[in-house]
N, C-alpha and C. Protein backbone atom coordinates (compact mmCIF):
# COMPACT_ATOMS: atom_id res chain seq x y z
N MET A 1 -23.06 65.16 66.05
CA MET A 1 -22.21 64.03 66.71
C MET A 1 -22.80 62.72 66.12
N HIS A 2 -23.94 62.64 65.95
CA HIS A 2 -24.52 61.30 65.44
C HIS A 2 -24.18 61.27 64.02
N ASN A 3 -24.23 62.36 63.28
CA ASN A 3 -23.78 62.41 61.95
C ASN A 3 -22.30 62.00 61.76
N LEU A 4 -21.51 62.50 62.58
CA LEU A 4 -20.06 62.15 62.52
C LEU A 4 -19.80 60.52 62.70
N GLU A 5 -20.48 60.00 63.65
CA GLU A 5 -20.39 58.58 63.94
C GLU A 5 -20.85 57.78 62.77
N PHE A 6 -21.99 58.29 62.17
CA PHE A 6 -22.69 57.63 61.03
C PHE A 6 -21.67 57.55 59.83
N ASN A 7 -21.03 58.79 59.62
CA ASN A 7 -20.09 58.85 58.50
C ASN A 7 -18.88 57.97 58.70
N LYS A 8 -18.37 57.81 59.89
CA LYS A 8 -17.29 56.98 60.14
C LYS A 8 -17.62 55.44 59.84
N ILE A 9 -18.86 55.09 60.24
CA ILE A 9 -19.24 53.70 60.02
C ILE A 9 -19.34 53.44 58.48
N PHE A 10 -20.07 54.40 57.75
CA PHE A 10 -20.29 54.24 56.36
C PHE A 10 -18.88 54.12 55.60
N ALA A 11 -17.84 55.04 56.00
CA ALA A 11 -16.61 55.03 55.55
C ALA A 11 -15.90 53.62 55.65
N ALA A 12 -16.06 53.14 56.84
CA ALA A 12 -15.44 51.88 57.20
C ALA A 12 -16.08 50.78 56.31
N LEU A 13 -17.36 50.74 56.21
CA LEU A 13 -17.95 49.75 55.42
C LEU A 13 -17.64 49.83 53.92
N LEU A 14 -17.52 51.07 53.34
CA LEU A 14 -17.13 51.29 52.08
C LEU A 14 -15.60 50.76 51.76
N VAL A 15 -14.73 51.14 52.66
CA VAL A 15 -13.26 50.69 52.58
C VAL A 15 -13.25 49.16 52.60
N ALA A 16 -14.08 48.49 53.49
CA ALA A 16 -14.07 47.08 53.55
C ALA A 16 -14.45 46.46 52.37
N GLY A 17 -15.57 47.01 51.66
CA GLY A 17 -16.18 46.56 50.41
C GLY A 17 -14.95 46.65 49.28
N ILE A 18 -14.42 47.77 49.23
CA ILE A 18 -13.40 47.98 48.24
C ILE A 18 -12.27 46.92 48.48
N ILE A 19 -11.83 46.78 49.66
CA ILE A 19 -10.69 45.72 50.00
C ILE A 19 -11.16 44.36 49.65
N ALA A 20 -12.50 44.00 49.85
CA ALA A 20 -12.98 42.77 49.50
C ALA A 20 -12.91 42.50 47.89
N MET A 21 -13.43 43.53 47.22
CA MET A 21 -13.37 43.49 45.83
C MET A 21 -12.00 43.23 45.31
N LEU A 22 -11.06 44.02 45.70
CA LEU A 22 -9.66 43.93 45.16
C LEU A 22 -9.12 42.67 45.58
N ALA A 23 -9.42 42.05 46.74
CA ALA A 23 -8.92 40.75 47.08
C ALA A 23 -9.45 39.62 46.11
N GLY A 24 -10.76 39.75 45.75
CA GLY A 24 -11.35 38.83 44.86
C GLY A 24 -10.76 38.90 43.53
N PHE A 25 -10.44 40.18 43.08
CA PHE A 25 -9.90 40.22 41.80
C PHE A 25 -8.49 39.73 41.68
N VAL A 26 -7.61 39.94 42.68
CA VAL A 26 -6.32 39.47 42.84
C VAL A 26 -6.33 37.87 42.88
N ALA A 27 -7.24 37.32 43.61
CA ALA A 27 -7.34 35.90 43.70
C ALA A 27 -7.75 35.13 42.43
N ASP A 28 -8.63 36.00 41.66
CA ASP A 28 -9.04 35.41 40.33
C ASP A 28 -7.87 35.43 39.36
N VAL A 29 -7.05 36.59 39.31
CA VAL A 29 -5.92 36.58 38.47
C VAL A 29 -4.88 35.38 38.83
N LEU A 30 -4.73 35.23 40.16
CA LEU A 30 -3.75 34.22 40.54
C LEU A 30 -4.20 32.81 40.20
N THR A 31 -5.49 32.65 40.22
CA THR A 31 -5.90 31.15 40.13
C THR A 31 -6.26 30.77 38.76
N LYS A 32 -6.54 31.87 37.91
CA LYS A 32 -7.04 31.63 36.53
C LYS A 32 -5.94 32.45 35.60
N PRO A 33 -4.84 31.70 35.25
CA PRO A 33 -3.86 32.38 34.33
C PRO A 33 -4.39 32.54 32.92
N ALA A 34 -4.03 33.51 32.28
CA ALA A 34 -4.50 33.78 30.85
C ALA A 34 -3.94 32.69 30.05
N HIS A 35 -4.89 32.29 28.95
CA HIS A 35 -4.49 31.18 28.11
C HIS A 35 -3.57 31.83 26.99
N LEU A 36 -2.51 31.15 26.76
CA LEU A 36 -1.56 31.45 25.75
C LEU A 36 -2.02 31.24 24.23
N LYS A 37 -1.72 32.05 23.45
CA LYS A 37 -2.28 31.76 21.94
C LYS A 37 -1.30 30.66 21.29
N GLU A 38 -0.09 30.58 21.82
CA GLU A 38 0.83 29.57 21.36
C GLU A 38 1.49 28.94 22.57
N ASN A 39 1.80 27.61 22.44
CA ASN A 39 2.63 27.00 23.41
C ASN A 39 4.01 27.65 23.64
N ALA A 40 4.35 27.84 24.95
CA ALA A 40 5.61 28.45 25.19
C ALA A 40 6.79 27.63 24.76
N VAL A 41 6.62 26.21 24.74
CA VAL A 41 7.66 25.41 24.41
C VAL A 41 7.13 24.58 23.08
N LYS A 42 7.67 24.77 22.02
CA LYS A 42 7.23 24.08 20.73
C LYS A 42 7.83 22.64 20.75
N ILE A 43 6.92 21.67 20.41
CA ILE A 43 7.39 20.27 20.36
C ILE A 43 7.33 19.83 18.88
N GLU A 44 8.46 19.46 18.36
CA GLU A 44 8.40 19.07 16.98
C GLU A 44 8.26 17.45 16.96
N VAL A 45 7.30 17.07 16.04
CA VAL A 45 7.09 15.71 15.90
C VAL A 45 7.42 15.22 14.47
N ALA A 46 8.07 14.10 14.45
CA ALA A 46 8.61 13.68 13.05
C ALA A 46 7.35 13.36 12.28
N GLU A 47 7.29 13.82 10.94
CA GLU A 47 6.24 13.49 10.11
C GLU A 47 6.39 11.97 9.65
N VAL A 48 5.26 11.42 9.52
CA VAL A 48 5.24 10.06 8.79
C VAL A 48 4.67 10.04 7.48
N SER A 49 5.37 9.63 6.50
CA SER A 49 5.02 9.64 5.20
C SER A 49 3.80 8.74 4.99
N ALA A 50 2.78 9.26 4.21
CA ALA A 50 1.62 8.43 3.92
C ALA A 50 1.93 7.29 3.03
N GLY A 51 3.12 7.24 2.43
CA GLY A 51 3.51 6.06 1.56
C GLY A 51 4.13 5.08 2.38
N GLY A 52 4.23 5.18 3.58
CA GLY A 52 5.11 4.14 4.46
C GLY A 52 4.20 2.99 4.96
N SER A 53 3.22 2.54 4.12
CA SER A 53 2.39 1.42 4.59
C SER A 53 3.08 0.16 4.32
N GLY A 54 4.30 0.19 3.55
CA GLY A 54 4.99 -1.16 3.30
C GLY A 54 4.44 -1.89 2.24
N LYS A 55 3.42 -1.36 1.50
CA LYS A 55 2.82 -2.11 0.40
C LYS A 55 3.60 -1.76 -0.93
N PRO A 56 4.02 -2.80 -1.71
CA PRO A 56 4.65 -2.50 -2.98
C PRO A 56 3.66 -1.80 -3.88
N ALA A 57 4.19 -1.10 -4.97
CA ALA A 57 3.35 -0.49 -5.95
C ALA A 57 2.94 -1.59 -6.97
N GLY A 58 3.56 -2.56 -7.18
CA GLY A 58 3.14 -3.59 -8.03
C GLY A 58 2.96 -4.95 -7.40
N PRO A 59 2.84 -6.08 -8.09
CA PRO A 59 2.54 -7.32 -7.51
C PRO A 59 3.69 -7.95 -6.46
N ASP A 60 3.28 -8.73 -5.57
CA ASP A 60 4.26 -9.29 -4.74
C ASP A 60 5.15 -10.24 -5.66
N PRO A 61 6.41 -10.37 -5.25
CA PRO A 61 7.25 -11.32 -5.86
C PRO A 61 6.70 -12.74 -5.83
N ILE A 62 6.94 -13.57 -6.80
CA ILE A 62 6.51 -14.95 -6.70
C ILE A 62 7.40 -15.94 -7.29
N LEU A 63 8.74 -15.56 -7.84
CA LEU A 63 9.65 -16.46 -8.40
C LEU A 63 10.04 -17.42 -7.35
N GLY A 64 10.25 -17.09 -6.09
CA GLY A 64 10.74 -17.98 -5.11
C GLY A 64 9.57 -19.01 -4.68
N LEU A 65 8.49 -18.87 -5.14
CA LEU A 65 7.29 -19.78 -4.91
C LEU A 65 7.13 -20.79 -6.02
N ILE A 66 7.61 -20.47 -7.19
CA ILE A 66 7.37 -21.41 -8.36
C ILE A 66 7.79 -22.79 -8.14
N SER A 67 8.94 -23.14 -7.57
CA SER A 67 9.31 -24.35 -7.53
C SER A 67 8.60 -25.29 -6.66
N THR A 68 7.86 -24.77 -5.61
CA THR A 68 7.14 -25.50 -4.66
C THR A 68 5.61 -25.13 -4.83
N ALA A 69 5.21 -24.53 -5.88
CA ALA A 69 3.89 -24.19 -6.02
C ALA A 69 2.92 -25.43 -6.19
N ASP A 70 1.71 -25.24 -5.78
CA ASP A 70 0.79 -26.34 -5.96
C ASP A 70 0.13 -26.51 -7.33
N ILE A 71 0.72 -27.37 -8.08
CA ILE A 71 0.34 -27.55 -9.52
C ILE A 71 -1.20 -27.92 -9.71
N ALA A 72 -1.65 -28.69 -8.82
CA ALA A 72 -3.09 -29.10 -8.86
C ALA A 72 -3.97 -27.79 -8.65
N LYS A 73 -3.63 -27.01 -7.69
CA LYS A 73 -4.26 -25.76 -7.49
C LYS A 73 -4.28 -24.84 -8.67
N GLY A 74 -2.98 -24.85 -9.34
CA GLY A 74 -2.96 -24.08 -10.53
C GLY A 74 -3.81 -24.51 -11.70
N GLU A 75 -3.98 -25.80 -11.81
CA GLU A 75 -4.89 -26.45 -12.72
C GLU A 75 -6.34 -25.96 -12.52
N LYS A 76 -6.77 -25.89 -11.32
CA LYS A 76 -8.05 -25.54 -10.92
C LYS A 76 -8.30 -24.05 -11.25
N LEU A 77 -7.25 -23.29 -10.95
CA LEU A 77 -7.47 -21.77 -11.26
C LEU A 77 -7.49 -21.56 -12.72
N ALA A 78 -6.79 -22.47 -13.54
CA ALA A 78 -6.93 -22.36 -15.07
C ALA A 78 -8.30 -22.56 -15.65
N LYS A 79 -9.17 -23.20 -14.89
CA LYS A 79 -10.44 -23.52 -15.42
C LYS A 79 -11.26 -22.21 -15.57
N ALA A 80 -10.96 -21.22 -14.79
CA ALA A 80 -11.62 -19.77 -14.78
C ALA A 80 -11.19 -19.24 -16.19
N CYS A 81 -10.11 -19.63 -16.82
CA CYS A 81 -9.53 -19.16 -18.05
C CYS A 81 -10.06 -19.81 -19.40
N ALA A 82 -10.60 -21.10 -19.07
CA ALA A 82 -11.01 -22.01 -20.20
C ALA A 82 -12.12 -21.41 -20.99
N ALA A 83 -12.86 -20.46 -20.56
CA ALA A 83 -13.95 -19.95 -21.38
C ALA A 83 -13.39 -19.11 -22.53
N CYS A 84 -12.15 -18.67 -22.46
CA CYS A 84 -11.56 -17.81 -23.51
C CYS A 84 -10.22 -18.52 -24.19
N HIS A 85 -9.61 -19.43 -23.31
CA HIS A 85 -8.36 -20.02 -23.91
C HIS A 85 -8.36 -21.47 -23.86
N THR A 86 -7.58 -22.13 -24.74
CA THR A 86 -7.37 -23.48 -24.73
C THR A 86 -5.83 -23.66 -24.28
N PHE A 87 -5.50 -24.94 -23.76
CA PHE A 87 -4.22 -25.16 -23.12
C PHE A 87 -3.50 -26.25 -23.79
N THR A 88 -4.10 -27.05 -24.73
CA THR A 88 -3.51 -28.25 -25.33
C THR A 88 -2.72 -27.93 -26.50
N LYS A 89 -1.86 -28.78 -26.82
CA LYS A 89 -0.94 -28.68 -28.08
C LYS A 89 -1.75 -28.60 -29.24
N GLY A 90 -1.75 -27.55 -30.04
CA GLY A 90 -2.50 -27.52 -31.25
C GLY A 90 -3.91 -27.03 -31.19
N GLY A 91 -4.31 -26.82 -29.94
CA GLY A 91 -5.64 -26.23 -29.61
C GLY A 91 -5.97 -24.97 -30.20
N PRO A 92 -7.17 -24.74 -30.55
CA PRO A 92 -7.60 -23.57 -31.30
C PRO A 92 -7.61 -22.24 -30.50
N ASN A 93 -7.49 -21.27 -31.16
CA ASN A 93 -7.70 -19.93 -30.34
C ASN A 93 -9.21 -19.71 -30.13
N GLY A 94 -9.46 -19.07 -29.04
CA GLY A 94 -10.88 -18.69 -28.66
C GLY A 94 -10.95 -17.21 -28.66
N VAL A 95 -11.74 -16.75 -27.67
CA VAL A 95 -11.64 -15.19 -27.52
C VAL A 95 -10.22 -14.75 -27.21
N GLY A 96 -9.52 -15.76 -26.48
CA GLY A 96 -8.13 -15.44 -26.30
C GLY A 96 -7.25 -16.48 -26.93
N PRO A 97 -6.01 -16.30 -27.05
CA PRO A 97 -5.02 -17.26 -27.75
C PRO A 97 -4.91 -18.61 -27.08
N ASN A 98 -4.56 -19.63 -27.76
CA ASN A 98 -4.25 -20.95 -27.12
C ASN A 98 -2.89 -20.55 -26.31
N LEU A 99 -2.87 -21.32 -25.19
CA LEU A 99 -1.71 -20.94 -24.21
C LEU A 99 -0.59 -22.20 -24.08
N TRP A 100 -0.57 -22.96 -25.11
CA TRP A 100 0.41 -24.06 -25.07
C TRP A 100 1.64 -23.32 -25.35
N ASN A 101 2.79 -23.61 -24.61
CA ASN A 101 4.12 -23.05 -24.85
C ASN A 101 4.07 -21.54 -24.37
N VAL A 102 3.17 -21.03 -23.65
CA VAL A 102 3.13 -19.69 -23.37
C VAL A 102 4.30 -19.18 -22.48
N VAL A 103 4.58 -20.00 -21.40
CA VAL A 103 5.61 -19.63 -20.39
C VAL A 103 7.03 -19.61 -21.11
N GLY A 104 7.71 -18.47 -21.23
CA GLY A 104 8.91 -18.41 -21.85
C GLY A 104 8.92 -18.05 -23.31
N GLY A 105 7.63 -18.21 -23.85
CA GLY A 105 7.55 -17.89 -25.32
C GLY A 105 7.24 -16.45 -25.54
N PRO A 106 7.13 -15.99 -26.83
CA PRO A 106 6.92 -14.69 -27.16
C PRO A 106 5.45 -14.28 -26.82
N LYS A 107 5.26 -13.01 -26.51
CA LYS A 107 4.03 -12.65 -26.12
C LYS A 107 2.96 -12.61 -27.21
N HIS A 108 3.32 -12.42 -28.52
CA HIS A 108 2.46 -12.71 -29.49
C HIS A 108 2.77 -14.10 -30.14
N HIS A 109 2.56 -15.12 -29.48
CA HIS A 109 3.11 -16.44 -29.74
C HIS A 109 2.16 -17.24 -30.71
N MET A 110 0.93 -16.79 -30.87
CA MET A 110 0.07 -17.57 -31.84
C MET A 110 -0.18 -16.70 -33.00
N ALA A 111 0.36 -17.26 -34.12
CA ALA A 111 0.29 -16.49 -35.41
C ALA A 111 -1.13 -16.44 -35.84
N GLY A 112 -1.50 -15.27 -36.40
CA GLY A 112 -2.95 -15.11 -36.89
C GLY A 112 -3.89 -14.70 -35.82
N PHE A 113 -3.40 -14.56 -34.51
CA PHE A 113 -4.40 -14.15 -33.63
C PHE A 113 -4.39 -12.70 -33.44
N ALA A 114 -5.49 -12.01 -33.28
CA ALA A 114 -5.49 -10.46 -33.29
C ALA A 114 -5.30 -10.04 -31.81
N TYR A 115 -4.08 -9.89 -31.36
CA TYR A 115 -3.88 -9.51 -29.97
C TYR A 115 -4.29 -8.03 -29.76
N SER A 116 -4.89 -7.76 -28.48
CA SER A 116 -5.28 -6.34 -28.33
C SER A 116 -4.31 -5.87 -27.09
N GLY A 117 -4.32 -4.49 -26.93
CA GLY A 117 -3.53 -4.01 -25.83
C GLY A 117 -2.13 -3.93 -26.17
N GLU A 118 -1.38 -3.32 -25.26
CA GLU A 118 0.02 -2.96 -25.47
C GLU A 118 0.91 -3.96 -24.56
N LEU A 119 0.84 -5.29 -25.07
CA LEU A 119 1.46 -6.36 -24.39
C LEU A 119 2.96 -6.08 -24.41
N THR A 120 3.64 -5.53 -25.36
CA THR A 120 5.09 -5.41 -25.42
C THR A 120 5.56 -4.12 -24.86
N LYS A 121 4.66 -3.30 -24.30
CA LYS A 121 5.00 -2.02 -23.72
C LYS A 121 5.96 -2.13 -22.57
N HIS A 122 5.77 -3.17 -21.77
CA HIS A 122 6.61 -3.52 -20.58
C HIS A 122 7.31 -4.73 -20.73
N GLY A 123 8.64 -4.84 -20.32
CA GLY A 123 9.30 -6.10 -20.29
C GLY A 123 9.57 -6.84 -21.55
N GLY A 124 9.71 -6.02 -22.76
CA GLY A 124 9.99 -6.79 -23.93
C GLY A 124 8.86 -7.68 -24.51
N ASN A 125 9.26 -8.62 -25.25
CA ASN A 125 8.27 -9.51 -26.03
C ASN A 125 8.25 -10.94 -25.63
N THR A 126 8.76 -11.15 -24.45
CA THR A 126 8.74 -12.67 -23.79
C THR A 126 7.92 -12.77 -22.64
N TRP A 127 7.16 -13.75 -22.57
CA TRP A 127 6.43 -14.05 -21.28
C TRP A 127 7.25 -14.73 -20.34
N SER A 128 8.06 -14.06 -19.72
CA SER A 128 8.98 -14.58 -18.59
C SER A 128 8.11 -14.75 -17.36
N TYR A 129 8.60 -15.45 -16.36
CA TYR A 129 7.87 -15.49 -15.19
C TYR A 129 7.58 -14.17 -14.59
N GLU A 130 8.53 -13.20 -14.54
CA GLU A 130 8.28 -11.87 -14.11
C GLU A 130 7.13 -11.23 -14.73
N GLU A 131 7.07 -11.23 -16.17
CA GLU A 131 6.08 -10.58 -16.89
C GLU A 131 4.77 -11.18 -16.63
N LEU A 132 4.70 -12.50 -16.64
CA LEU A 132 3.44 -13.28 -16.48
C LEU A 132 2.85 -12.86 -14.99
N ASN A 133 3.73 -12.69 -14.09
CA ASN A 133 3.27 -12.28 -12.74
C ASN A 133 2.62 -11.03 -12.70
N LYS A 134 3.29 -10.02 -13.54
CA LYS A 134 2.70 -8.56 -13.56
C LYS A 134 1.44 -8.58 -14.23
N PHE A 135 1.29 -9.36 -15.46
CA PHE A 135 0.13 -9.44 -16.21
C PHE A 135 -0.97 -10.10 -15.47
N ILE A 136 -0.76 -11.26 -14.89
CA ILE A 136 -1.84 -12.06 -14.24
C ILE A 136 -2.44 -11.22 -12.98
N TRP A 137 -1.59 -10.48 -12.50
CA TRP A 137 -1.92 -9.64 -11.36
C TRP A 137 -3.09 -8.61 -11.63
N LYS A 138 -2.72 -7.86 -12.78
CA LYS A 138 -3.68 -6.82 -13.27
C LYS A 138 -3.56 -6.66 -14.69
N PRO A 139 -4.18 -7.50 -15.48
CA PRO A 139 -4.13 -7.56 -16.93
C PRO A 139 -4.27 -6.10 -17.57
N LYS A 140 -5.35 -5.47 -17.13
CA LYS A 140 -5.63 -4.11 -17.73
C LYS A 140 -4.61 -3.06 -17.42
N ALA A 141 -4.06 -3.08 -16.31
CA ALA A 141 -3.00 -2.18 -15.93
C ALA A 141 -1.72 -2.53 -16.74
N TYR A 142 -1.40 -3.79 -16.93
CA TYR A 142 -0.25 -4.14 -17.65
C TYR A 142 -0.30 -3.92 -19.09
N ALA A 143 -1.48 -4.06 -19.74
CA ALA A 143 -1.74 -3.91 -21.16
C ALA A 143 -2.95 -3.11 -21.36
N PRO A 144 -2.71 -1.80 -21.31
CA PRO A 144 -3.97 -0.89 -21.46
C PRO A 144 -4.52 -1.10 -22.97
N GLY A 145 -5.96 -1.18 -22.90
CA GLY A 145 -6.57 -1.44 -24.22
C GLY A 145 -6.92 -2.84 -24.43
N THR A 146 -6.38 -3.77 -23.44
CA THR A 146 -6.71 -5.19 -23.70
C THR A 146 -8.24 -5.51 -23.65
N LYS A 147 -8.56 -6.40 -24.48
CA LYS A 147 -9.98 -6.73 -24.41
C LYS A 147 -10.33 -7.83 -23.41
N MET A 148 -9.30 -8.40 -22.74
CA MET A 148 -9.35 -9.36 -21.69
C MET A 148 -10.09 -8.72 -20.54
N ASN A 149 -11.21 -9.44 -20.10
CA ASN A 149 -12.13 -8.86 -19.06
C ASN A 149 -11.63 -9.49 -17.71
N TYR A 150 -10.65 -10.40 -17.63
CA TYR A 150 -10.13 -11.05 -16.41
C TYR A 150 -9.67 -9.84 -15.47
N ILE A 151 -9.97 -9.87 -14.21
CA ILE A 151 -9.65 -8.80 -13.34
C ILE A 151 -8.30 -9.08 -12.69
N GLY A 152 -7.86 -10.41 -12.82
CA GLY A 152 -6.54 -10.71 -12.27
C GLY A 152 -6.54 -11.40 -10.95
N LEU A 153 -5.39 -12.07 -10.46
CA LEU A 153 -5.23 -12.79 -9.31
C LEU A 153 -4.40 -11.86 -8.24
N LYS A 154 -5.00 -11.65 -7.13
CA LYS A 154 -4.34 -10.79 -6.25
C LYS A 154 -3.43 -11.61 -5.29
N LYS A 155 -3.67 -12.85 -5.08
CA LYS A 155 -2.85 -13.61 -4.07
C LYS A 155 -1.49 -14.14 -4.85
N PRO A 156 -0.36 -13.83 -4.27
CA PRO A 156 0.87 -14.32 -4.94
C PRO A 156 0.97 -15.87 -5.06
N ASP A 157 0.44 -16.56 -4.01
CA ASP A 157 0.47 -18.09 -4.19
C ASP A 157 -0.30 -18.53 -5.29
N GLU A 158 -1.47 -17.90 -5.45
CA GLU A 158 -2.33 -18.41 -6.59
C GLU A 158 -1.63 -18.11 -8.00
N ARG A 159 -1.06 -16.93 -8.10
CA ARG A 159 -0.31 -16.57 -9.31
C ARG A 159 0.80 -17.61 -9.57
N ALA A 160 1.51 -17.95 -8.54
CA ALA A 160 2.66 -18.83 -8.63
C ALA A 160 2.20 -20.26 -9.03
N ALA A 161 0.95 -20.68 -8.38
CA ALA A 161 0.53 -22.00 -8.80
C ALA A 161 -0.06 -22.08 -10.34
N LEU A 162 -0.70 -20.91 -10.64
CA LEU A 162 -1.12 -20.86 -12.04
C LEU A 162 -0.05 -20.94 -13.01
N ILE A 163 0.95 -20.15 -12.76
CA ILE A 163 2.17 -19.99 -13.69
C ILE A 163 2.90 -21.39 -13.78
N ALA A 164 3.06 -22.04 -12.52
CA ALA A 164 3.77 -23.27 -12.50
C ALA A 164 3.02 -24.35 -13.29
N TRP A 165 1.62 -24.29 -13.26
CA TRP A 165 0.82 -25.23 -14.10
C TRP A 165 1.01 -24.98 -15.63
N LEU A 166 0.90 -23.63 -15.89
CA LEU A 166 1.14 -23.17 -17.32
C LEU A 166 2.50 -23.70 -17.79
N ARG A 167 3.51 -23.69 -16.99
CA ARG A 167 4.84 -24.05 -17.33
C ARG A 167 4.96 -25.40 -17.93
N GLU A 168 4.05 -26.29 -17.33
CA GLU A 168 4.11 -27.74 -17.76
C GLU A 168 3.20 -27.95 -18.93
N GLN A 169 2.55 -27.04 -19.45
CA GLN A 169 1.79 -27.07 -20.66
C GLN A 169 2.69 -26.60 -21.85
N ALA A 170 3.69 -27.38 -22.07
CA ALA A 170 4.67 -26.97 -23.16
C ALA A 170 5.39 -28.29 -23.58
N ASP A 171 5.93 -28.08 -24.84
CA ASP A 171 6.71 -29.20 -25.42
C ASP A 171 7.95 -29.45 -24.55
N ASN A 172 8.66 -28.45 -24.10
CA ASN A 172 9.71 -28.41 -23.18
C ASN A 172 9.62 -27.28 -22.16
N SER A 173 9.40 -27.68 -20.95
CA SER A 173 9.09 -26.69 -19.91
C SER A 173 10.50 -25.86 -19.71
N VAL A 174 10.27 -24.57 -19.61
CA VAL A 174 11.47 -23.80 -19.32
C VAL A 174 11.91 -23.95 -17.91
N GLY A 175 13.17 -23.57 -17.70
CA GLY A 175 13.82 -23.93 -16.43
C GLY A 175 13.15 -23.10 -15.30
N LEU A 176 13.34 -23.59 -14.10
CA LEU A 176 12.82 -22.89 -12.83
C LEU A 176 13.60 -21.59 -12.69
N PRO A 177 13.08 -20.71 -12.02
CA PRO A 177 13.79 -19.45 -11.75
C PRO A 177 15.06 -19.74 -11.01
N SER A 178 16.17 -18.93 -11.37
CA SER A 178 17.43 -19.10 -10.76
C SER A 178 17.43 -18.34 -9.39
N GLU A 179 18.39 -18.53 -8.58
CA GLU A 179 18.58 -17.80 -7.35
C GLU A 179 18.74 -16.29 -7.66
N ALA A 180 19.54 -16.06 -8.68
CA ALA A 180 19.74 -14.59 -9.06
C ALA A 180 18.52 -13.92 -9.55
N ALA A 181 17.67 -14.66 -10.35
CA ALA A 181 16.40 -14.04 -10.75
C ALA A 181 15.55 -13.84 -9.61
N ILE A 182 15.50 -14.69 -8.60
CA ILE A 182 14.60 -14.65 -7.43
C ILE A 182 15.09 -13.34 -6.63
N ALA A 183 16.37 -13.39 -6.40
CA ALA A 183 16.94 -12.11 -5.65
C ALA A 183 16.66 -10.77 -6.38
N LYS A 184 16.78 -10.74 -7.73
CA LYS A 184 16.52 -9.59 -8.50
C LYS A 184 15.12 -9.10 -8.50
N GLU A 185 14.14 -10.08 -8.47
CA GLU A 185 12.66 -9.77 -8.38
C GLU A 185 12.30 -9.23 -7.01
N GLN A 186 12.96 -9.90 -5.97
CA GLN A 186 12.77 -9.52 -4.59
C GLN A 186 13.23 -7.98 -4.38
N ALA A 187 14.25 -7.59 -4.95
CA ALA A 187 14.85 -6.33 -4.81
C ALA A 187 13.91 -5.28 -5.64
N GLN A 188 13.30 -5.63 -6.70
CA GLN A 188 12.47 -4.83 -7.65
C GLN A 188 10.91 -4.74 -6.88
N LEU A 189 10.52 -5.77 -6.41
CA LEU A 189 8.95 -5.73 -5.96
C LEU A 189 8.72 -5.88 -4.48
N ALA A 190 9.76 -6.34 -3.63
CA ALA A 190 9.50 -6.42 -2.30
C ALA A 190 9.23 -5.06 -1.64
N PRO A 191 8.29 -5.10 -0.57
CA PRO A 191 8.03 -3.81 0.09
C PRO A 191 9.13 -3.17 0.69
N PRO A 192 9.28 -1.78 0.57
CA PRO A 192 10.47 -1.11 1.08
C PRO A 192 10.48 -1.20 2.63
N ALA A 193 11.67 -1.19 3.17
CA ALA A 193 11.87 -1.18 4.59
C ALA A 193 11.19 0.09 5.26
N GLU A 194 10.60 -0.08 6.42
CA GLU A 194 9.87 1.03 7.08
C GLU A 194 10.94 2.14 7.35
N ASP A 195 10.50 3.39 7.21
CA ASP A 195 11.33 4.47 7.56
C ASP A 195 11.68 4.47 8.99
N ALA A 196 13.06 4.81 9.22
CA ALA A 196 13.56 4.59 10.68
C ALA A 196 12.76 5.60 11.64
N THR A 197 12.26 6.70 11.11
CA THR A 197 11.60 7.62 12.04
C THR A 197 10.17 7.28 12.14
N GLU A 198 9.64 6.40 11.45
CA GLU A 198 8.22 6.02 11.56
C GLU A 198 7.99 5.46 12.94
N GLY A 199 6.93 6.06 13.64
CA GLY A 199 6.50 5.56 14.86
C GLY A 199 7.31 6.17 16.08
N ALA A 200 8.29 6.93 15.82
CA ALA A 200 9.13 7.69 16.73
C ALA A 200 8.37 8.53 17.71
N GLU A 201 8.56 8.52 18.95
CA GLU A 201 7.81 9.29 19.96
C GLU A 201 8.43 10.72 19.92
N ALA A 202 7.48 11.75 20.17
CA ALA A 202 7.94 13.02 20.24
C ALA A 202 8.72 13.27 21.55
N PRO A 203 9.87 13.95 21.49
CA PRO A 203 10.61 14.05 22.71
C PRO A 203 9.91 14.93 23.80
N ALA A 204 10.09 14.67 25.02
CA ALA A 204 9.42 15.35 26.16
C ALA A 204 9.90 16.77 26.29
N ALA A 205 9.00 17.64 26.48
CA ALA A 205 9.43 19.16 26.59
C ALA A 205 10.04 19.27 27.84
N SER A 206 11.11 19.99 27.90
CA SER A 206 11.76 20.33 29.18
C SER A 206 11.52 21.86 29.54
N ALA A 207 11.33 22.08 30.79
CA ALA A 207 11.07 23.48 31.32
C ALA A 207 12.32 24.25 31.33
N HIS A 208 12.21 25.50 30.95
CA HIS A 208 13.41 26.38 30.92
C HIS A 208 13.07 27.64 31.76
């Protein structure tokens, strides 16, 4: 009799333990869902081009700055060039050629001077405002092989000032840039408009 009662009690405890274990397992499954390897809803985000920084590949346009450029500032900037160039009419060549009449003149304007680099590779054989802007920005990039050690002027207002001053170092200064020339340079060198998709937010995922 005692053994029968003991067996009943033991069986009840065993069943209660099994029920408790099953309840814990079910609760764990319900409260801790399995992690998905992939999102159920894919969200596509528009790619932003690495080249969309808005910076032009070449120098900033300066033709629109020439007419109002600071001539005195240009003269000061030219002093950095005086170690290699002269600017007066009939002045001698130095390490670099004399620069009288350079604006609007031929790129090899000084007879007898041994020019280096590929000056006529880009933009023909004339030192137009546009070509001087590109050359003064990065001489070695404009004329590979040039012996000129000048690294260039990065600021557009400084290039405009220097070129405006050089324009006056001439027998007859060339005309100021026309509105058409200014517009053409802007179209060629101005930063491209930002892509319409740049900065667009990803669409919110909707539940299905």
